[in-house]
Amino acid sequence: MNFFSRFKNRFSLACLILITHSITACNSSQDKQRQVSVDGAAVGFPVSLAVAEEYQKVKADAEVSVASSGTGGGISKFCNGDIDIVGASRTIKDEEIKKCKTKKIEFVELPIALDGIAVIANRKNNFAKCLTIKELEKMWKAKSDGKVLSWNQINPKFPNQKLRLYAPASDTGTFDYFTQAVTKKAKNSRTDYTPSHNQNLLVQGVAGDASALGYVGISYYIQNQDKLNLVAVESPTGKCEKPVPVDNVVKNIYTPLSRPLFIYVSKKSLDTKPSVKEFVDFYLENSWKWVDSVGYVALPDEAYVKVKQKFAKGETGTKFKKAKPGQPITNFI
C-alpha cells in the first residue's frame, strides 16, 4: 500500500474516531475516562493517526479522537482544557504558556520526531538550485512586502521574472519556525504571499506556477517530488544542503531549517484519566515505527530513552524555548 492509500485510510479512520467520540460524549463518566483527545499540527498529524490506529487494535475499548486544526489552534484548545494532547511543529510560545497557566493547565513537553522544512520551487525553475539564508530572508522579511517582487531582486544572476510565494498560514508552527529561523524574528514575515493551512494546496500552487517558491514540511515534498524541485539551502559551513531525512536532518547538517516535532500532554489529564497515560506510553514506545514511512525522521536512540524517562517522571514545562536551530535535540530533553 502506498503513502497516499495509507494516509487516505488513516484520514477516514480519524473521521470515524471523531464521530465515535462525539456520540459517546454524553455517556457515563466511566466512558469519558476511556476517551483520549488529540489535536494540533498538520505536520506530525500522520504519526498520531498511525499510533491511534494501532493503539485501538490492541486496546479494543479505547476511544481516541485525532484531529488537525494547526499548532496554534490545537494549543488554544489545549490551554482551554478541551483536549488531552496537542501536536506541535514548534515549541509552545510564552503567551500560550501564560494562557495555560490562567486555566491551571500544566503540560509535559515530549519531542516525538524530527522534520526538515523543504524549500520548494516549480519544476521549470532551473536557476534557484541553492539559496542562502540571506536570500531567503530578503524574500520573506516584512520589509520586502510589496517591494521584492521579482527573482532578480533576490540575486542579480536570476532572471527578471515575477516572484510568487506560497507558505503555511501565519498561525501554523511551520510558519513560526521558518520565520524565526530565516529572519531571526518571530513576526518578521511579509504578508503578500499565498497562505494555506493545507500544505497540499501549497504544493499544488507551486507545482502550477513557474514563478513560484514556497516552503512545506518535508513529508509534503516527498509525497510530490515528481512535481517539484527541492531547493538546497546554504548551511553555516557554506555547503548547499537539502533536507535528506537521515543524512542531513538527524545530524543537524540541514540547518537552520531542521526542527523537532512535539506532543504536549496535559498533566491534569494524566492525573485524572489513566487512558491518557496508557496512550502516551504506547505512543512513545511505538511511534518511531511510522515516523520514517510518513516522511519524518526518528529521534536518535538516546533521545527516545530520555523522552521516556521525562514522561515517567511527569516533568512539566518547556526546555526547548532555549533551543536554537541546529542544536542537538538531546541537550533540551
C-alpha atoms as a PDB file:
ATOM      1  CA  MET A   1       0.000   0.000   0.000  1.00  0.00           C
ATOM      2  CA  ASN A   2       1.493   3.386  -0.980  1.00  0.00           C
ATOM      3  CA  PHE A   3       1.667   6.519   1.185  1.00  0.00           C
ATOM      4  CA  PHE A   4      -1.474   8.073  -0.306  1.00  0.00           C
ATOM      5  CA  SER A   5      -3.547   4.939   0.349  1.00  0.00           C
ATOM      6  CA  ARG A   6      -2.275   4.731   3.927  1.00  0.00           C
ATOM      7  CA  PHE A   7      -2.925   8.411   4.524  1.00  0.00           C
ATOM      8  CA  LYS A   8      -6.420   8.199   2.989  1.00  0.00           C
ATOM      9  CA  ASN A   9      -7.241   5.200   5.169  1.00  0.00           C
ATOM     10  CA  ARG A  10      -5.942   6.952   8.272  1.00  0.00           C
ATOM     11  CA  PHE A  11      -7.844  10.119   7.435  1.00  0.00           C
ATOM     12  CA  SER A  12     -11.014   8.056   7.133  1.00  0.00           C
ATOM     13  CA  LEU A  13     -10.148   6.458  10.458  1.00  0.00           C
ATOM     14  CA  ALA A  14      -9.754   9.896  12.002  1.00  0.00           C
ATOM     15  CA  CYS A  15     -13.228  10.893  10.816  1.00  0.00           C
ATOM     16  CA  LEU A  16     -14.659   7.657  12.228  1.00  0.00           C
ATOM     17  CA  ILE A  17     -12.863   8.174  15.520  1.00  0.00           C
ATOM     18  CA  LEU A  18     -14.141  11.746  15.790  1.00  0.00           C
ATOM     19  CA  ILE A  19     -17.707  10.618  15.085  1.00  0.00           C
ATOM     20  CA  THR A  20     -17.389   7.916  17.727  1.00  0.00           C
ATOM     21  CA  HIS A  21     -16.045  10.476  20.167  1.00  0.00           C
ATOM     22  CA  SER A  22     -18.992  12.834  19.624  1.00  0.00           C
ATOM     23  CA  ILE A  23     -21.545  10.045  20.001  1.00  0.00           C
ATOM     24  CA  THR A  24     -20.066   8.823  23.280  1.00  0.00           C
ATOM     25  CA  ALA A  25     -19.561  12.276  24.748  1.00  0.00           C
ATOM     26  CA  CYS A  26     -22.857  12.088  26.586  1.00  0.00           C
ATOM     27  CA  ASN A  27     -22.246   8.632  28.017  1.00  0.00           C
ATOM     28  CA  SER A  28     -21.229   7.837  31.573  1.00  0.00           C
ATOM     29  CA  SER A  29     -18.200   9.261  33.340  1.00  0.00           C
ATOM     30  CA  GLN A  30     -16.637   5.812  33.032  1.00  0.00           C
ATOM     31  CA  ASP A  31     -16.840   6.122  29.235  1.00  0.00           C
ATOM     32  CA  LYS A  32     -15.192   9.540  29.428  1.00  0.00           C
ATOM     33  CA  GLN A  33     -12.302   8.017  31.350  1.00  0.00           C
ATOM     34  CA  ARG A  34     -11.527   5.881  28.273  1.00  0.00           C
ATOM     35  CA  GLN A  35     -11.502   8.813  25.867  1.00  0.00           C
ATOM     36  CA  VAL A  36      -8.284  10.435  24.670  1.00  0.00           C
ATOM     37  CA  SER A  37      -8.385  13.585  22.531  1.00  0.00           C
ATOM     38  CA  VAL A  38      -5.524  14.706  20.269  1.00  0.00           C
ATOM     39  CA  ASP A  39      -5.451  17.825  18.072  1.00  0.00           C
ATOM     40  CA  GLY A  40      -2.834  20.146  16.616  1.00  0.00           C
ATOM     41  CA  ALA A  41      -0.289  20.480  13.835  1.00  0.00           C
ATOM     42  CA  ALA A  42      -0.806  19.179  10.314  1.00  0.00           C
ATOM     43  CA  VAL A  43       2.900  18.330  10.384  1.00  0.00           C
ATOM     44  CA  GLY A  44       3.081  15.258  12.618  1.00  0.00           C
ATOM     45  CA  PHE A  45      -0.634  14.502  12.164  1.00  0.00           C
ATOM     46  CA  PRO A  46       0.008  11.257  10.193  1.00  0.00           C
ATOM     47  CA  VAL A  47       2.139   9.919  13.070  1.00  0.00           C
ATOM     48  CA  SER A  48      -0.629  10.481  15.609  1.00  0.00           C
ATOM     49  CA  LEU A  49      -3.142   8.878  13.255  1.00  0.00           C
ATOM     50  CA  ALA A  50      -0.965   5.810  12.822  1.00  0.00           C
ATOM     51  CA  VAL A  51      -0.406   5.491  16.576  1.00  0.00           C
ATOM     52  CA  ALA A  52      -4.144   5.841  17.296  1.00  0.00           C
ATOM     53  CA  GLU A  53      -4.977   3.207  14.681  1.00  0.00           C
ATOM     54  CA  GLU A  54      -2.563   0.681  16.125  1.00  0.00           C
ATOM     55  CA  TYR A  55      -3.451   1.508  19.731  1.00  0.00           C
ATOM     56  CA  GLN A  56      -7.091   0.724  19.104  1.00  0.00           C
ATOM     57  CA  LYS A  57      -6.110  -2.660  17.693  1.00  0.00           C
ATOM     58  CA  VAL A  58      -4.525  -3.651  20.994  1.00  0.00           C
ATOM     59  CA  LYS A  59      -6.938  -1.691  23.208  1.00  0.00           C
ATOM     60  CA  ALA A  60     -10.358  -2.520  21.827  1.00  0.00           C
ATOM     61  CA  ASP A  61     -12.317  -0.316  24.237  1.00  0.00           C
ATOM     62  CA  ALA A  62     -10.143   2.772  23.641  1.00  0.00           C
ATOM     63  CA  GLU A  63     -11.768   5.880  22.216  1.00  0.00           C
ATOM     64  CA  VAL A  64      -9.080   8.105  20.680  1.00  0.00           C
ATOM     65  CA  SER A  65     -10.030  11.180  18.661  1.00  0.00           C
ATOM     66  CA  VAL A  66      -7.377  12.656  16.365  1.00  0.00           C
ATOM     67  CA  ALA A  67      -7.819  15.978  14.572  1.00  0.00           C
ATOM     68  CA  SER A  68      -5.664  18.662  12.959  1.00  0.00           C
ATOM     69  CA  SER A  69      -6.534  22.316  13.461  1.00  0.00           C
ATOM     70  CA  GLY A  70      -2.928  23.566  13.295  1.00  0.00           C
ATOM     71  CA  THR A  71      -0.386  24.139  16.042  1.00  0.00           C
ATOM     72  CA  GLY A  72      -1.888  27.455  17.152  1.00  0.00           C
ATOM     73  CA  GLY A  73      -5.473  26.216  17.044  1.00  0.00           C
ATOM     74  CA  GLY A  74      -4.582  22.992  18.837  1.00  0.00           C
ATOM     75  CA  ILE A  75      -2.666  24.745  21.611  1.00  0.00           C
ATOM     76  CA  SER A  76      -5.560  27.156  22.103  1.00  0.00           C
ATOM     77  CA  LYS A  77      -7.898  24.186  22.698  1.00  0.00           C
ATOM     78  CA  PHE A  78      -5.287  22.535  24.900  1.00  0.00           C
ATOM     79  CA  CYS A  79      -4.851  25.590  27.124  1.00  0.00           C
ATOM     80  CA  ASN A  80      -8.637  25.827  27.478  1.00  0.00           C
ATOM     81  CA  GLY A  81      -8.632  22.281  28.828  1.00  0.00           C
ATOM     82  CA  ASP A  82     -10.648  20.991  25.862  1.00  0.00           C
ATOM     83  CA  ILE A  83      -8.182  18.286  24.761  1.00  0.00           C
ATOM     84  CA  ASP A  84      -5.698  15.941  26.424  1.00  0.00           C
ATOM     85  CA  ILE A  85      -2.805  16.108  23.937  1.00  0.00           C
ATOM     86  CA  VAL A  86      -1.722  18.647  21.342  1.00  0.00           C
ATOM     87  CA  GLY A  87       0.675  18.017  18.475  1.00  0.00           C
ATOM     88  CA  ALA A  88       3.001  20.933  17.689  1.00  0.00           C
ATOM     89  CA  SER A  89       5.532  21.674  14.970  1.00  0.00           C
ATOM     90  CA  ARG A  90       7.195  24.321  17.149  1.00  0.00           C
ATOM     91  CA  THR A  91       7.737  24.963  20.830  1.00  0.00           C
ATOM     92  CA  ILE A  92       4.912  26.455  22.864  1.00  0.00           C
ATOM     93  CA  LYS A  93       5.001  30.279  22.993  1.00  0.00           C
ATOM     94  CA  ASP A  94       5.226  32.472  26.103  1.00  0.00           C
ATOM     95  CA  GLU A  95       1.716  33.834  25.597  1.00  0.00           C
ATOM     96  CA  GLU A  96       0.385  30.283  25.241  1.00  0.00           C
ATOM     97  CA  ILE A  97       2.138  29.209  28.442  1.00  0.00           C
ATOM     98  CA  LYS A  98       0.520  32.193  30.171  1.00  0.00           C
ATOM     99  CA  LYS A  99      -2.905  31.189  28.851  1.00  0.00           C
ATOM    100  CA  CYS A 100      -2.407  27.609  30.049  1.00  0.00           C
ATOM    101  CA  LYS A 101      -1.358  28.921  33.450  1.00  0.00           C
ATOM    102  CA  THR A 102      -4.526  31.003  33.838  1.00  0.00           C
ATOM    103  CA  LYS A 103      -6.547  27.821  33.219  1.00  0.00           C
ATOM    104  CA  LYS A 104      -4.278  25.832  35.573  1.00  0.00           C
ATOM    105  CA  ILE A 105      -3.133  23.584  32.720  1.00  0.00           C
ATOM    106  CA  GLU A 106       0.365  22.166  33.276  1.00  0.00           C
ATOM    107  CA  PHE A 107       1.970  20.229  30.434  1.00  0.00           C
ATOM    108  CA  VAL A 108       4.643  17.646  29.728  1.00  0.00           C
ATOM    109  CA  GLU A 109       6.665  18.515  26.599  1.00  0.00           C
ATOM    110  CA  LEU A 110       7.688  15.453  24.564  1.00  0.00           C
ATOM    111  CA  PRO A 111       9.603  15.571  21.260  1.00  0.00           C
ATOM    112  CA  ILE A 112       8.472  12.676  19.045  1.00  0.00           C
ATOM    113  CA  ALA A 113      10.274  13.125  15.701  1.00  0.00           C
ATOM    114  CA  LEU A 114      12.414  15.440  13.596  1.00  0.00           C
ATOM    115  CA  ASP A 115      11.400  17.301  10.449  1.00  0.00           C
ATOM    116  CA  GLY A 116      13.133  19.354   7.792  1.00  0.00           C
ATOM    117  CA  ILE A 117      11.322  22.306   6.239  1.00  0.00           C
ATOM    118  CA  ALA A 118      11.601  21.875   2.477  1.00  0.00           C
ATOM    119  CA  VAL A 119      12.050  24.924   0.247  1.00  0.00           C
ATOM    120  CA  ILE A 120      10.273  24.066  -2.995  1.00  0.00           C
ATOM    121  CA  ALA A 121      10.197  25.566  -6.493  1.00  0.00           C
ATOM    122  CA  ASN A 122       8.410  24.815  -9.728  1.00  0.00           C
ATOM    123  CA  ARG A 123       9.884  22.072 -11.935  1.00  0.00           C
ATOM    124  CA  LYS A 124      10.610  24.647 -14.664  1.00  0.00           C
ATOM    125  CA  ASN A 125      12.825  26.652 -12.324  1.00  0.00           C
ATOM    126  CA  ASN A 126      16.410  25.793 -13.359  1.00  0.00           C
ATOM    127  CA  PHE A 127      18.221  28.636 -11.580  1.00  0.00           C
ATOM    128  CA  ALA A 128      17.244  28.578  -7.871  1.00  0.00           C
ATOM    129  CA  LYS A 129      19.185  25.436  -7.063  1.00  0.00           C
ATOM    130  CA  CYS A 130      20.689  26.698  -3.806  1.00  0.00           C
ATOM    131  CA  LEU A 131      19.626  29.705  -1.751  1.00  0.00           C
ATOM    132  CA  THR A 132      21.444  31.339   1.127  1.00  0.00           C
ATOM    133  CA  ILE A 133      19.691  32.267   4.365  1.00  0.00           C
ATOM    134  CA  LYS A 134      20.245  35.924   3.428  1.00  0.00           C
ATOM    135  CA  GLU A 135      18.472  35.360   0.109  1.00  0.00           C
ATOM    136  CA  LEU A 136      15.595  33.634   1.878  1.00  0.00           C
ATOM    137  CA  GLU A 137      15.461  36.484   4.383  1.00  0.00           C
ATOM    138  CA  LYS A 138      15.277  39.022   1.559  1.00  0.00           C
ATOM    139  CA  MET A 139      12.378  37.059   0.074  1.00  0.00           C
ATOM    140  CA  TRP A 140      10.401  36.674   3.265  1.00  0.00           C
ATOM    141  CA  LYS A 141      11.119  39.527   5.699  1.00  0.00           C
ATOM    142  CA  ALA A 142       8.374  42.038   6.441  1.00  0.00           C
ATOM    143  CA  LYS A 143      10.214  44.928   4.776  1.00  0.00           C
ATOM    144  CA  SER A 144      10.069  43.077   1.454  1.00  0.00           C
ATOM    145  CA  ASP A 145       6.268  43.224   1.475  1.00  0.00           C
ATOM    146  CA  GLY A 146       5.180  44.784  -1.825  1.00  0.00           C
ATOM    147  CA  LYS A 147       8.791  45.673  -2.725  1.00  0.00           C
ATOM    148  CA  VAL A 148      10.726  42.492  -3.529  1.00  0.00           C
ATOM    149  CA  LEU A 149       8.610  41.179  -6.385  1.00  0.00           C
ATOM    150  CA  SER A 150      10.993  39.594  -8.884  1.00  0.00           C
ATOM    151  CA  TRP A 151      13.623  36.883  -8.815  1.00  0.00           C
ATOM    152  CA  ASN A 152      16.469  39.163  -9.924  1.00  0.00           C
ATOM    153  CA  GLN A 153      15.922  41.273  -6.799  1.00  0.00           C
ATOM    154  CA  ILE A 154      16.942  38.219  -4.790  1.00  0.00           C
ATOM    155  CA  ASN A 155      20.040  37.568  -6.861  1.00  0.00           C
ATOM    156  CA  PRO A 156      21.062  39.617  -9.937  1.00  0.00           C
ATOM    157  CA  LYS A 157      22.040  36.345 -11.641  1.00  0.00           C
ATOM    158  CA  PHE A 158      18.412  35.207 -11.509  1.00  0.00           C
ATOM    159  CA  PRO A 159      16.043  36.174 -14.349  1.00  0.00           C
ATOM    160  CA  ASN A 160      13.812  39.245 -14.281  1.00  0.00           C
ATOM    161  CA  GLN A 161      10.816  37.045 -13.605  1.00  0.00           C
ATOM    162  CA  LYS A 162       7.917  37.660 -11.237  1.00  0.00           C
ATOM    163  CA  LEU A 163       8.345  36.069  -7.795  1.00  0.00           C
ATOM    164  CA  ARG A 164       5.249  34.451  -6.320  1.00  0.00           C
ATOM    165  CA  LEU A 165       5.377  32.981  -2.838  1.00  0.00           C
ATOM    166  CA  TYR A 166       3.400  30.211  -1.138  1.00  0.00           C
ATOM    167  CA  ALA A 167       3.611  29.320   2.560  1.00  0.00           C
ATOM    168  CA  PRO A 168       1.664  27.992   5.538  1.00  0.00           C
ATOM    169  CA  ALA A 169      -0.750  30.361   7.273  1.00  0.00           C
ATOM    170  CA  SER A 170       0.631  32.672   9.942  1.00  0.00           C
ATOM    171  CA  ASP A 171      -0.911  30.705  12.835  1.00  0.00           C
ATOM    172  CA  THR A 172       0.898  27.470  11.965  1.00  0.00           C
ATOM    173  CA  GLY A 173       4.006  26.050  13.572  1.00  0.00           C
ATOM    174  CA  THR A 174       5.790  25.703  10.232  1.00  0.00           C
ATOM    175  CA  PHE A 175       5.318  29.424   9.541  1.00  0.00           C
ATOM    176  CA  ASP A 176       6.564  30.349  13.015  1.00  0.00           C
ATOM    177  CA  TYR A 177       9.633  28.138  12.849  1.00  0.00           C
ATOM    178  CA  PHE A 178      10.653  29.167   9.313  1.00  0.00           C
ATOM    179  CA  THR A 179      10.180  32.881  10.016  1.00  0.00           C
ATOM    180  CA  GLN A 180      12.248  32.719  13.218  1.00  0.00           C
ATOM    181  CA  ALA A 181      15.000  30.663  11.572  1.00  0.00           C
ATOM    182  CA  VAL A 182      15.279  32.811   8.442  1.00  0.00           C
ATOM    183  CA  THR A 183      14.615  36.354   9.681  1.00  0.00           C
ATOM    184  CA  LYS A 184      15.658  35.908  13.354  1.00  0.00           C
ATOM    185  CA  LYS A 185      12.316  37.398  14.459  1.00  0.00           C
ATOM    186  CA  ALA A 186       9.090  35.505  15.065  1.00  0.00           C
ATOM    187  CA  LYS A 187       6.738  38.059  13.496  1.00  0.00           C
ATOM    188  CA  ASN A 188       9.023  39.373  10.752  1.00  0.00           C
ATOM    189  CA  SER A 189       7.292  37.928   7.674  1.00  0.00           C
ATOM    190  CA  ARG A 190       5.851  39.614   4.636  1.00  0.00           C
ATOM    191  CA  THR A 191       2.127  39.148   4.152  1.00  0.00           C
ATOM    192  CA  ASP A 192       1.774  39.377   0.353  1.00  0.00           C
ATOM    193  CA  TYR A 193       2.038  35.646  -0.224  1.00  0.00           C
ATOM    194  CA  THR A 194      -0.490  32.871  -0.811  1.00  0.00           C
ATOM    195  CA  PRO A 195      -1.178  31.202   2.570  1.00  0.00           C
ATOM    196  CA  SER A 196      -2.921  27.941   3.417  1.00  0.00           C
ATOM    197  CA  HIS A 197      -3.389  25.674   6.403  1.00  0.00           C
ATOM    198  CA  ASN A 198      -3.397  22.777   3.936  1.00  0.00           C
ATOM    199  CA  GLN A 199       0.173  22.200   2.797  1.00  0.00           C
ATOM    200  CA  ASN A 200      -1.028  20.019  -0.077  1.00  0.00           C
ATOM    201  CA  LEU A 201      -2.625  23.170  -1.538  1.00  0.00           C
ATOM    202  CA  LEU A 202       0.727  24.939  -1.260  1.00  0.00           C
ATOM    203  CA  VAL A 203       2.331  22.091  -3.182  1.00  0.00           C
ATOM    204  CA  GLN A 204      -0.317  22.405  -5.894  1.00  0.00           C
ATOM    205  CA  GLY A 205       0.231  26.157  -6.087  1.00  0.00           C
ATOM    206  CA  VAL A 206       3.990  25.878  -6.548  1.00  0.00           C
ATOM    207  CA  ALA A 207       3.644  22.958  -8.969  1.00  0.00           C
ATOM    208  CA  GLY A 208       1.299  25.006 -11.158  1.00  0.00           C
ATOM    209  CA  ASP A 209       3.227  28.283 -11.174  1.00  0.00           C
ATOM    210  CA  ALA A 210       6.574  28.597 -12.977  1.00  0.00           C
ATOM    211  CA  SER A 211       7.475  31.703 -10.944  1.00  0.00           C
ATOM    212  CA  ALA A 212       6.681  30.193  -7.561  1.00  0.00           C
ATOM    213  CA  LEU A 213       8.651  29.348  -4.452  1.00  0.00           C
ATOM    214  CA  GLY A 214       7.317  28.053  -1.164  1.00  0.00           C
ATOM    215  CA  TYR A 215       8.116  26.024   1.928  1.00  0.00           C
ATOM    216  CA  VAL A 216       6.430  22.967   3.471  1.00  0.00           C
ATOM    217  CA  GLY A 217       7.202  20.109   5.850  1.00  0.00           C
ATOM    218  CA  ILE A 218       9.493  17.588   4.160  1.00  0.00           C
ATOM    219  CA  SER A 219       6.796  14.891   4.036  1.00  0.00           C
ATOM    220  CA  TYR A 220       4.743  17.060   1.661  1.00  0.00           C
ATOM    221  CA  TYR A 221       7.701  17.301  -0.719  1.00  0.00           C
ATOM    222  CA  ILE A 222       8.372  13.563  -0.514  1.00  0.00           C
ATOM    223  CA  GLN A 223       4.759  12.830  -1.482  1.00  0.00           C
ATOM    224  CA  ASN A 224       5.044  15.146  -4.508  1.00  0.00           C
ATOM    225  CA  GLN A 225       8.699  15.091  -5.519  1.00  0.00           C
ATOM    226  CA  ASP A 226       7.858  14.281  -9.154  1.00  0.00           C
ATOM    227  CA  LYS A 227       6.019  17.640  -9.383  1.00  0.00           C
ATOM    228  CA  LEU A 228       8.547  19.919  -7.649  1.00  0.00           C
ATOM    229  CA  ASN A 229      12.169  20.979  -7.408  1.00  0.00           C
ATOM    230  CA  LEU A 230      13.735  20.735  -3.980  1.00  0.00           C
ATOM    231  CA  VAL A 231      15.886  23.819  -3.380  1.00  0.00           C
ATOM    232  CA  ALA A 232      19.078  23.388  -1.360  1.00  0.00           C
ATOM    233  CA  VAL A 233      19.866  25.837   1.443  1.00  0.00           C
ATOM    234  CA  GLU A 234      23.390  27.028   2.208  1.00  0.00           C
ATOM    235  CA  SER A 235      24.405  25.884   5.675  1.00  0.00           C
ATOM    236  CA  PRO A 236      26.637  27.839   8.080  1.00  0.00           C
ATOM    237  CA  THR A 237      29.600  25.834   6.725  1.00  0.00           C
ATOM    238  CA  GLY A 238      28.946  27.204   3.225  1.00  0.00           C
ATOM    239  CA  LYS A 239      27.726  23.938   1.735  1.00  0.00           C
ATOM    240  CA  CYS A 240      24.437  23.604  -0.124  1.00  0.00           C
ATOM    241  CA  GLU A 241      22.342  21.080   1.784  1.00  0.00           C
ATOM    242  CA  LYS A 242      18.943  19.515   1.209  1.00  0.00           C
ATOM    243  CA  PRO A 243      16.667  18.054   3.899  1.00  0.00           C
ATOM    244  CA  VAL A 244      17.630  14.456   3.197  1.00  0.00           C
ATOM    245  CA  PRO A 245      15.998  12.933   6.275  1.00  0.00           C
ATOM    246  CA  VAL A 246      18.521  10.542   7.797  1.00  0.00           C
ATOM    247  CA  ASP A 247      21.709  12.041   6.382  1.00  0.00           C
ATOM    248  CA  ASN A 248      21.101  15.732   6.993  1.00  0.00           C
ATOM    249  CA  VAL A 249      18.147  16.291   9.333  1.00  0.00           C
ATOM    250  CA  VAL A 250      19.023  13.927  12.175  1.00  0.00           C
ATOM    251  CA  LYS A 251      22.682  15.005  12.081  1.00  0.00           C
ATOM    252  CA  ASN A 252      21.742  18.721  12.212  1.00  0.00           C
ATOM    253  CA  ILE A 253      23.531  19.320   8.907  1.00  0.00           C
ATOM    254  CA  TYR A 254      20.433  20.858   7.305  1.00  0.00           C
ATOM    255  CA  THR A 255      20.442  23.920   9.487  1.00  0.00           C
ATOM    256  CA  PRO A 256      18.688  26.123  10.453  1.00  0.00           C
ATOM    257  CA  LEU A 257      15.607  24.506   8.872  1.00  0.00           C
ATOM    258  CA  SER A 258      15.578  21.212  10.798  1.00  0.00           C
ATOM    259  CA  ARG A 259      13.239  21.077  13.798  1.00  0.00           C
ATOM    260  CA  PRO A 260      11.756  18.761  16.408  1.00  0.00           C
ATOM    261  CA  LEU A 261       8.059  17.860  16.412  1.00  0.00           C
ATOM    262  CA  PHE A 262       6.257  17.596  19.753  1.00  0.00           C
ATOM    263  CA  ILE A 263       3.290  16.388  21.642  1.00  0.00           C
ATOM    264  CA  TYR A 264       2.267  18.327  24.749  1.00  0.00           C
ATOM    265  CA  VAL A 265       0.346  16.267  27.299  1.00  0.00           C
ATOM    266  CA  SER A 266      -1.970  17.749  29.925  1.00  0.00           C
ATOM    267  CA  LYS A 267      -0.786  16.939  33.459  1.00  0.00           C
ATOM    268  CA  LYS A 268      -4.387  17.176  34.632  1.00  0.00           C
ATOM    269  CA  SER A 269      -5.424  14.535  32.091  1.00  0.00           C
ATOM    270  CA  LEU A 270      -2.559  12.304  33.187  1.00  0.00           C
ATOM    271  CA  ASP A 271      -3.629  12.630  36.822  1.00  0.00           C
ATOM    272  CA  THR A 272      -7.339  12.032  36.241  1.00  0.00           C
ATOM    273  CA  LYS A 273      -7.554   9.775  33.176  1.00  0.00           C
ATOM    274  CA  PRO A 274      -5.479   6.570  33.188  1.00  0.00           C
ATOM    275  CA  SER A 275      -6.304   6.139  29.489  1.00  0.00           C
ATOM    276  CA  VAL A 276      -4.184   9.179  28.610  1.00  0.00           C
ATOM    277  CA  LYS A 277      -1.085   7.797  30.318  1.00  0.00           C
ATOM    278  CA  GLU A 278      -1.635   4.408  28.676  1.00  0.00           C
ATOM    279  CA  PHE A 279      -1.970   6.017  25.240  1.00  0.00           C
ATOM    280  CA  VAL A 280       1.127   8.222  25.634  1.00  0.00           C
ATOM    281  CA  ASP A 281       3.160   5.246  26.893  1.00  0.00           C
ATOM    282  CA  PHE A 282       2.110   3.389  23.740  1.00  0.00           C
ATOM    283  CA  TYR A 283       2.878   6.482  21.623  1.00  0.00           C
ATOM    284  CA  LEU A 284       6.428   6.811  22.948  1.00  0.00           C
ATOM    285  CA  GLU A 285       7.096   3.087  22.678  1.00  0.00           C
ATOM    286  CA  ASN A 286       5.789   2.687  19.125  1.00  0.00           C
ATOM    287  CA  SER A 287       5.630   5.974  17.179  1.00  0.00           C
ATOM    288  CA  TRP A 288       9.123   5.520  15.717  1.00  0.00           C
ATOM    289  CA  LYS A 289       7.762   2.622  13.646  1.00  0.00           C
ATOM    290  CA  TRP A 290       5.745   5.008  11.476  1.00  0.00           C
ATOM    291  CA  VAL A 291       7.837   8.170  11.591  1.00  0.00           C
ATOM    292  CA  ASP A 292      10.003   7.314   8.578  1.00  0.00           C
ATOM    293  CA  SER A 293       7.138   5.933   6.474  1.00  0.00           C
ATOM    294  CA  VAL A 294       5.221   9.221   6.646  1.00  0.00           C
ATOM    295  CA  GLY A 295       8.227  11.386   5.779  1.00  0.00           C
ATOM    296  CA  TYR A 296       9.725  12.444   9.113  1.00  0.00           C
ATOM    297  CA  VAL A 297      12.893  11.397  10.921  1.00  0.00           C
ATOM    298  CA  ALA A 298      13.085   9.240  14.029  1.00  0.00           C
ATOM    299  CA  LEU A 299      14.830  10.717  17.056  1.00  0.00           C
ATOM    300  CA  PRO A 300      18.294   9.400  17.938  1.00  0.00           C
ATOM    301  CA  ASP A 301      18.065   6.331  20.196  1.00  0.00           C
ATOM    302  CA  GLU A 302      19.410   8.212  23.202  1.00  0.00           C
ATOM    303  CA  ALA A 303      16.729  10.871  22.737  1.00  0.00           C
ATOM    304  CA  TYR A 304      13.933   8.274  22.896  1.00  0.00           C
ATOM    305  CA  VAL A 305      15.383   6.972  26.170  1.00  0.00           C
ATOM    306  CA  LYS A 306      15.464  10.471  27.666  1.00  0.00           C
ATOM    307  CA  VAL A 307      11.925  11.269  26.445  1.00  0.00           C
ATOM    308  CA  LYS A 308      10.549   8.133  28.127  1.00  0.00           C
ATOM    309  CA  GLN A 309      12.372   8.990  31.350  1.00  0.00           C
ATOM    310  CA  LYS A 310      10.998  12.525  31.259  1.00  0.00           C
ATOM    311  CA  PHE A 311       7.449  11.258  30.802  1.00  0.00           C
ATOM    312  CA  ALA A 312       7.831   8.684  33.580  1.00  0.00           C
ATOM    313  CA  LYS A 313       8.886  11.487  35.947  1.00  0.00           C
ATOM    314  CA  GLY A 314       5.961  13.672  34.846  1.00  0.00           C
ATOM    315  CA  GLU A 315       8.347  16.595  34.347  1.00  0.00           C
ATOM    316  CA  THR A 316       6.358  19.683  33.344  1.00  0.00           C
ATOM    317  CA  GLY A 317       7.298  22.865  31.486  1.00  0.00           C
ATOM    318  CA  THR A 318       9.409  23.555  28.416  1.00  0.00           C
ATOM    319  CA  LYS A 319      13.156  23.350  27.925  1.00  0.00           C
ATOM    320  CA  PHE A 320      13.059  23.866  24.173  1.00  0.00           C
ATOM    321  CA  LYS A 321      12.351  27.598  24.492  1.00  0.00           C
ATOM    322  CA  LYS A 322      16.118  27.978  24.836  1.00  0.00           C
ATOM    323  CA  ALA A 323      16.960  25.817  21.813  1.00  0.00           C
ATOM    324  CA  LYS A 324      18.341  27.384  18.659  1.00  0.00           C
ATOM    325  CA  PRO A 325      18.016  25.839  15.185  1.00  0.00           C
ATOM    326  CA  GLY A 326      20.703  23.242  14.598  1.00  0.00           C
ATOM    327  CA  GLN A 327      21.428  22.424  18.244  1.00  0.00           C
ATOM    328  CA  PRO A 328      21.312  18.715  19.266  1.00  0.00           C
ATOM    329  CA  ILE A 329      17.870  17.732  20.498  1.00  0.00           C
ATOM    330  CA  THR A 330      19.257  15.706  23.407  1.00  0.00           C
ATOM    331  CA  ASN A 331      20.512  18.931  25.038  1.00  0.00           C
ATOM    332  CA  PHE A 332      16.944  20.003  25.830  1.00  0.00           C
ATOM    333  CA  ILE A 333      15.051  16.877  26.846  1.00  0.00           C
END
